[in-house]
Amino acid sequence: MRYSLKMMSECDFYTNLYDDFLETRNDENERFLWKTRKIIDLMKVTTEKDANGFMENGLRMIMLLFKHFKISSCDLCSYDLFDTPFNEKEELMLILHEEFT
């Protein structure tokens, strides 16, 4: 099931997320591709000024569905990256670079 990303509502995103997740049929390679595609889709339909938390909630849902991720208590609080010290932003960039390259 595919939707136009520009007109996708939060509900449509979650429906699409679950449907595509089920299509992976527990194949680890397919699950990894699913995770990266869904993160990219989420970034396309949200903005950095997401006041409703759609981006954060979507990322949590993706990571919860992805088999190797477990939420810890430190994942339950969020911080604005604009207020984060420069060295922590650099560390985050390294982690994201390793994850997606």
N, C-alpha and C. Protein backbone atom coordinates (compact mmCIF):
# COMPACT_ATOMS: atom_id res chain seq x y z
N MET A 1 0.85 -1.16 0.00
CA MET A 1 0.00 0.00 0.00
C MET A 1 0.90 1.24 0.00
N ARG A 2 0.76 2.09 -0.97
CA ARG A 2 1.59 3.28 -1.07
C ARG A 2 0.69 4.52 -1.10
N TYR A 3 1.12 5.57 -0.44
CA TYR A 3 0.40 6.82 -0.42
C TYR A 3 1.30 7.93 -0.93
N SER A 4 0.69 8.99 -1.43
CA SER A 4 1.46 10.18 -1.78
C SER A 4 2.01 10.77 -0.50
N LEU A 5 3.33 10.92 -0.42
CA LEU A 5 3.93 11.39 0.83
C LEU A 5 3.52 12.81 1.19
N LYS A 6 3.28 13.66 0.23
CA LYS A 6 2.97 15.05 0.55
C LYS A 6 1.60 15.20 1.19
N MET A 7 0.68 14.28 0.92
CA MET A 7 -0.68 14.42 1.43
C MET A 7 -1.01 13.38 2.50
N MET A 8 0.01 12.75 3.03
CA MET A 8 -0.21 11.67 3.99
C MET A 8 -0.51 12.22 5.38
N SER A 9 -1.58 11.73 5.97
CA SER A 9 -1.90 12.10 7.35
C SER A 9 -1.12 11.19 8.29
N GLU A 10 -1.11 11.52 9.55
CA GLU A 10 -0.42 10.70 10.54
C GLU A 10 -1.03 9.30 10.59
N CYS A 11 -2.33 9.22 10.55
CA CYS A 11 -3.02 7.93 10.57
C CYS A 11 -2.64 7.09 9.35
N ASP A 12 -2.63 7.71 8.18
CA ASP A 12 -2.24 7.01 6.95
C ASP A 12 -0.80 6.52 7.04
N PHE A 13 0.07 7.33 7.63
CA PHE A 13 1.46 6.93 7.76
C PHE A 13 1.57 5.66 8.60
N TYR A 14 0.87 5.63 9.74
CA TYR A 14 0.94 4.46 10.62
C TYR A 14 0.33 3.22 9.95
N THR A 15 -0.77 3.40 9.22
CA THR A 15 -1.38 2.28 8.51
C THR A 15 -0.40 1.72 7.48
N ASN A 16 0.20 2.60 6.71
CA ASN A 16 1.19 2.21 5.71
C ASN A 16 2.39 1.55 6.39
N LEU A 17 2.81 2.08 7.51
CA LEU A 17 3.95 1.55 8.27
C LEU A 17 3.69 0.08 8.64
N TYR A 18 2.55 -0.19 9.22
CA TYR A 18 2.22 -1.56 9.65
C TYR A 18 2.05 -2.50 8.46
N ASP A 19 1.37 -2.03 7.43
CA ASP A 19 1.16 -2.88 6.25
C ASP A 19 2.50 -3.28 5.63
N ASP A 20 3.38 -2.31 5.47
CA ASP A 20 4.68 -2.60 4.87
C ASP A 20 5.53 -3.47 5.80
N PHE A 21 5.39 -3.28 7.11
CA PHE A 21 6.12 -4.10 8.07
C PHE A 21 5.71 -5.57 7.93
N LEU A 22 4.42 -5.81 7.80
CA LEU A 22 3.93 -7.18 7.67
C LEU A 22 4.43 -7.84 6.38
N GLU A 23 4.64 -7.04 5.35
CA GLU A 23 5.13 -7.57 4.08
C GLU A 23 6.59 -8.06 4.17
N THR A 24 7.31 -7.67 5.21
CA THR A 24 8.70 -8.13 5.34
C THR A 24 8.77 -9.60 5.72
N ARG A 25 7.71 -10.15 6.27
CA ARG A 25 7.60 -11.57 6.64
C ARG A 25 8.81 -12.07 7.44
N ASN A 26 9.23 -11.25 8.39
CA ASN A 26 10.33 -11.60 9.30
C ASN A 26 11.68 -11.83 8.62
N ASP A 27 11.83 -11.40 7.38
CA ASP A 27 13.12 -11.49 6.70
C ASP A 27 13.99 -10.32 7.18
N GLU A 28 15.15 -10.63 7.76
CA GLU A 28 16.00 -9.60 8.36
C GLU A 28 16.43 -8.54 7.35
N ASN A 29 16.79 -8.96 6.14
CA ASN A 29 17.21 -7.99 5.12
C ASN A 29 16.05 -7.08 4.72
N GLU A 30 14.89 -7.69 4.53
CA GLU A 30 13.71 -6.89 4.19
C GLU A 30 13.34 -5.95 5.32
N ARG A 31 13.48 -6.40 6.56
CA ARG A 31 13.18 -5.54 7.71
C ARG A 31 14.11 -4.34 7.78
N PHE A 32 15.38 -4.57 7.50
CA PHE A 32 16.33 -3.47 7.52
C PHE A 32 15.98 -2.45 6.43
N LEU A 33 15.67 -2.94 5.23
CA LEU A 33 15.27 -2.03 4.15
C LEU A 33 13.99 -1.31 4.50
N TRP A 34 13.04 -2.02 5.11
CA TRP A 34 11.79 -1.41 5.55
C TRP A 34 12.07 -0.26 6.51
N LYS A 35 12.95 -0.52 7.49
CA LYS A 35 13.25 0.51 8.50
C LYS A 35 13.82 1.76 7.85
N THR A 36 14.78 1.60 6.98
CA THR A 36 15.40 2.78 6.37
C THR A 36 14.42 3.51 5.46
N ARG A 37 13.60 2.77 4.70
CA ARG A 37 12.61 3.42 3.84
C ARG A 37 11.59 4.22 4.66
N LYS A 38 11.15 3.63 5.77
CA LYS A 38 10.13 4.31 6.59
C LYS A 38 10.69 5.55 7.29
N ILE A 39 11.94 5.50 7.69
CA ILE A 39 12.55 6.69 8.29
C ILE A 39 12.64 7.80 7.24
N ILE A 40 13.04 7.45 6.03
CA ILE A 40 13.11 8.44 4.95
C ILE A 40 11.72 8.99 4.65
N ASP A 41 10.70 8.11 4.55
CA ASP A 41 9.33 8.56 4.31
C ASP A 41 8.88 9.52 5.41
N LEU A 42 9.19 9.19 6.65
CA LEU A 42 8.79 10.04 7.77
C LEU A 42 9.44 11.41 7.68
N MET A 43 10.71 11.46 7.31
CA MET A 43 11.40 12.74 7.18
C MET A 43 10.79 13.58 6.05
N LYS A 44 10.28 12.92 5.02
CA LYS A 44 9.67 13.64 3.90
C LYS A 44 8.32 14.25 4.26
N VAL A 45 7.58 13.62 5.17
CA VAL A 45 6.24 14.12 5.49
C VAL A 45 6.20 15.00 6.74
N THR A 46 7.32 15.18 7.40
CA THR A 46 7.35 16.03 8.59
C THR A 46 8.36 17.15 8.39
N THR A 47 8.28 18.13 9.26
CA THR A 47 9.22 19.25 9.22
C THR A 47 9.88 19.38 10.58
N GLU A 48 10.93 20.19 10.64
CA GLU A 48 11.62 20.39 11.92
C GLU A 48 10.75 21.17 12.91
N LYS A 49 9.69 21.79 12.43
CA LYS A 49 8.79 22.54 13.31
C LYS A 49 7.53 21.72 13.59
N ASP A 50 7.71 20.45 13.89
CA ASP A 50 6.63 19.51 14.13
C ASP A 50 6.15 19.65 15.57
N ALA A 51 5.17 20.50 15.77
CA ALA A 51 4.68 20.79 17.12
C ALA A 51 3.88 19.64 17.72
N ASN A 52 3.33 18.76 16.89
CA ASN A 52 2.47 17.68 17.38
C ASN A 52 3.23 16.42 17.75
N GLY A 53 4.52 16.36 17.46
CA GLY A 53 5.30 15.18 17.82
C GLY A 53 5.19 14.03 16.84
N PHE A 54 4.65 14.29 15.64
CA PHE A 54 4.49 13.23 14.64
C PHE A 54 5.83 12.57 14.31
N MET A 55 6.87 13.36 14.08
CA MET A 55 8.17 12.81 13.72
C MET A 55 8.71 11.93 14.84
N GLU A 56 8.68 12.42 16.05
CA GLU A 56 9.20 11.66 17.19
C GLU A 56 8.40 10.38 17.41
N ASN A 57 7.08 10.47 17.36
CA ASN A 57 6.24 9.29 17.55
C ASN A 57 6.43 8.29 16.42
N GLY A 58 6.56 8.78 15.20
CA GLY A 58 6.79 7.90 14.06
C GLY A 58 8.11 7.16 14.19
N LEU A 59 9.17 7.87 14.60
CA LEU A 59 10.47 7.22 14.79
C LEU A 59 10.40 6.16 15.89
N ARG A 60 9.72 6.47 16.96
CA ARG A 60 9.58 5.48 18.04
C ARG A 60 8.85 4.24 17.56
N MET A 61 7.78 4.44 16.77
CA MET A 61 7.02 3.31 16.27
C MET A 61 7.86 2.45 15.34
N ILE A 62 8.61 3.09 14.46
CA ILE A 62 9.49 2.36 13.54
C ILE A 62 10.50 1.53 14.33
N MET A 63 11.13 2.15 15.31
CA MET A 63 12.15 1.46 16.07
C MET A 63 11.56 0.35 16.95
N LEU A 64 10.35 0.54 17.44
CA LEU A 64 9.71 -0.51 18.23
C LEU A 64 9.40 -1.73 17.37
N LEU A 65 9.00 -1.49 16.14
CA LEU A 65 8.69 -2.60 15.26
C LEU A 65 9.95 -3.30 14.76
N PHE A 66 11.04 -2.57 14.70
CA PHE A 66 12.29 -3.16 14.23
C PHE A 66 12.82 -4.06 15.35
N LYS A 67 13.07 -5.29 15.04
CA LYS A 67 13.33 -6.35 16.03
C LYS A 67 14.45 -6.06 17.02
N HIS A 68 15.52 -5.43 16.60
CA HIS A 68 16.70 -5.29 17.45
C HIS A 68 16.68 -4.09 18.38
N PHE A 69 15.59 -3.38 18.44
CA PHE A 69 15.55 -2.15 19.24
C PHE A 69 14.66 -2.34 20.45
N LYS A 70 15.16 -1.96 21.59
CA LYS A 70 14.36 -1.97 22.82
C LYS A 70 14.37 -0.57 23.42
N ILE A 71 13.21 -0.10 23.81
CA ILE A 71 13.14 1.24 24.41
C ILE A 71 13.63 1.18 25.85
N SER A 72 14.49 2.09 26.18
CA SER A 72 14.94 2.23 27.57
C SER A 72 14.35 3.52 28.12
N SER A 73 14.48 3.72 29.40
CA SER A 73 13.89 4.91 30.02
C SER A 73 14.47 6.20 29.45
N CYS A 74 15.73 6.18 29.00
CA CYS A 74 16.31 7.41 28.45
C CYS A 74 15.71 7.74 27.08
N ASP A 75 15.05 6.79 26.42
CA ASP A 75 14.41 7.06 25.14
C ASP A 75 13.06 7.75 25.32
N LEU A 76 12.55 7.79 26.53
CA LEU A 76 11.22 8.32 26.75
C LEU A 76 11.19 9.83 26.94
N CYS A 77 12.33 10.45 27.04
CA CYS A 77 12.35 11.91 27.13
C CYS A 77 13.04 12.44 25.88
N SER A 78 12.67 13.63 25.46
CA SER A 78 13.26 14.19 24.25
C SER A 78 13.86 15.55 24.56
N TYR A 79 14.81 15.92 23.72
CA TYR A 79 15.49 17.21 23.86
C TYR A 79 15.51 17.90 22.52
N ASP A 80 15.36 19.18 22.52
CA ASP A 80 15.42 19.96 21.30
C ASP A 80 16.86 20.02 20.82
N LEU A 81 17.11 19.58 19.59
CA LEU A 81 18.48 19.57 19.07
C LEU A 81 19.07 20.97 18.95
N PHE A 82 18.21 21.98 18.84
CA PHE A 82 18.72 23.34 18.75
C PHE A 82 19.40 23.77 20.05
N ASP A 83 18.99 23.17 21.17
CA ASP A 83 19.56 23.51 22.47
C ASP A 83 20.69 22.56 22.88
N THR A 84 20.99 21.60 22.04
CA THR A 84 22.01 20.60 22.34
C THR A 84 23.40 21.17 22.09
N PRO A 85 24.36 20.90 22.98
CA PRO A 85 25.73 21.38 22.78
C PRO A 85 26.31 20.83 21.47
N PHE A 86 27.21 21.59 20.87
CA PHE A 86 27.79 21.25 19.57
C PHE A 86 28.44 19.87 19.56
N ASN A 87 29.18 19.52 20.62
CA ASN A 87 29.86 18.22 20.63
C ASN A 87 28.87 17.06 20.64
N GLU A 88 27.72 17.22 21.27
CA GLU A 88 26.70 16.17 21.27
C GLU A 88 26.04 16.06 19.89
N LYS A 89 25.88 17.20 19.20
CA LYS A 89 25.34 17.17 17.84
C LYS A 89 26.29 16.42 16.92
N GLU A 90 27.59 16.66 17.08
CA GLU A 90 28.58 15.96 16.25
C GLU A 90 28.52 14.46 16.50
N GLU A 91 28.37 14.06 17.76
CA GLU A 91 28.27 12.64 18.10
C GLU A 91 27.04 12.02 17.45
N LEU A 92 25.92 12.73 17.51
CA LEU A 92 24.70 12.26 16.88
C LEU A 92 24.87 12.11 15.37
N MET A 93 25.53 13.07 14.75
CA MET A 93 25.77 13.00 13.31
C MET A 93 26.61 11.78 12.95
N LEU A 94 27.59 11.44 13.77
CA LEU A 94 28.41 10.26 13.52
C LEU A 94 27.57 8.98 13.61
N ILE A 95 26.71 8.92 14.61
CA ILE A 95 25.85 7.75 14.78
C ILE A 95 24.91 7.61 13.58
N LEU A 96 24.30 8.71 13.16
CA LEU A 96 23.40 8.66 12.02
C LEU A 96 24.13 8.30 10.73
N HIS A 97 25.34 8.83 10.59
CA HIS A 97 26.15 8.52 9.41
C HIS A 97 26.46 7.03 9.35
N GLU A 98 26.84 6.45 10.49
CA GLU A 98 27.14 5.01 10.52
C GLU A 98 25.88 4.18 10.23
N GLU A 99 24.74 4.64 10.72
CA GLU A 99 23.49 3.89 10.55
C GLU A 99 23.04 3.85 9.09
N PHE A 100 23.25 4.95 8.37
CA PHE A 100 22.68 5.06 7.02
C PHE A 100 23.69 5.01 5.89
N THR A 101 24.93 4.66 6.18
CA THR A 101 25.91 4.51 5.08
C THR A 101 26.50 3.13 5.09
